[in-house]
Amino acid sequence: MTVERAEREQEIMSRLTDDGTLTVSSLAARLGVSEVTIRGDLRTLEQRGLLVRTRGGARPTTLKSILQREKVNVDAKQRIAAAAAALVRDDDTIMIEAGTTTAMVVKHLAGRSGVQIVTNSALVFSAARSNAALGVILTGGVFRAESESFVGPLAERAITDFNTRLAFLGTDGFSPERGLTTRFVEGGQVASGMARRAEETWLLADSSKFGQAGFVTFLRLPDIAGIITDRGLPEDAADALREHTRVLVV
């Protein structure tokens, strides 16, 4: 692969992350190459599983990348993360599971000292490494790029070595009937393992996740200390959730 082609592919993936879809004609004009060349680049990227070609363009694969998900409901996620960080004390011990909202918690821990973090999230590690007042333990395991997470037996075994006061978990969907759900068995196993090793487990999820259901239920609502979500949650939904656990709306 030439450097020129590598740069084109990087630009294509960057545009796809930002815009969600793209067209052959716009890419050709932007990059100064023929549409035939762009179609060849898209074919190569599709063969590598990085996108899906459409008539006249391309779209992301079915699962959105974490870079795309980071740009959704940002204000609500920041408020949720700040509320979670307010639960953390100096010299505290916490587990943080991979997710876009959970990863933001670290940014709100400025001013805390002696906090020990156990995480399977590359995003959490990246945010925490620049804060010398935080100790970070990364679980290791099999790296899953779409969630920037480490999963599998190595991650699960690492978690069992630690006992923390708090655990902050994410989810692909939650409801009174189905509890906390995720699309991937491996992610659910890591999250439930964290809950078993923590004194208090909190779900951090924006209101768009309510009523959604992933493939796997990994915790029931009575198994967690509470949910931190945003004001977009309907009041009747909040009341239904409060029958099973605490609900903090921010």
Foldseek 3Di string as FASTA:
>chain_A
DDPLLVVLLVVQLVCQLVPQWDFLVVSCVVSVHDSVVVVVSVVVCVVVVQWAADVGTTGGDPQRALSNVLPPPVVFLLVLLLVVLVVDAALFEEEEEFDNSSLNNLVNVPPHANYEYEYFAPSNVVSNVVPPRYHYDHQAADQDRRRNGHWDDSSLVSLVVAAGAEYEYEAQAAAQVQGGAHQDPRSLSNRLSNLVRHNAYEYEYEQVRYPDHHPDRNDHLLSHQEYEYEPVHDPVRQVRSVVRHHYHYD
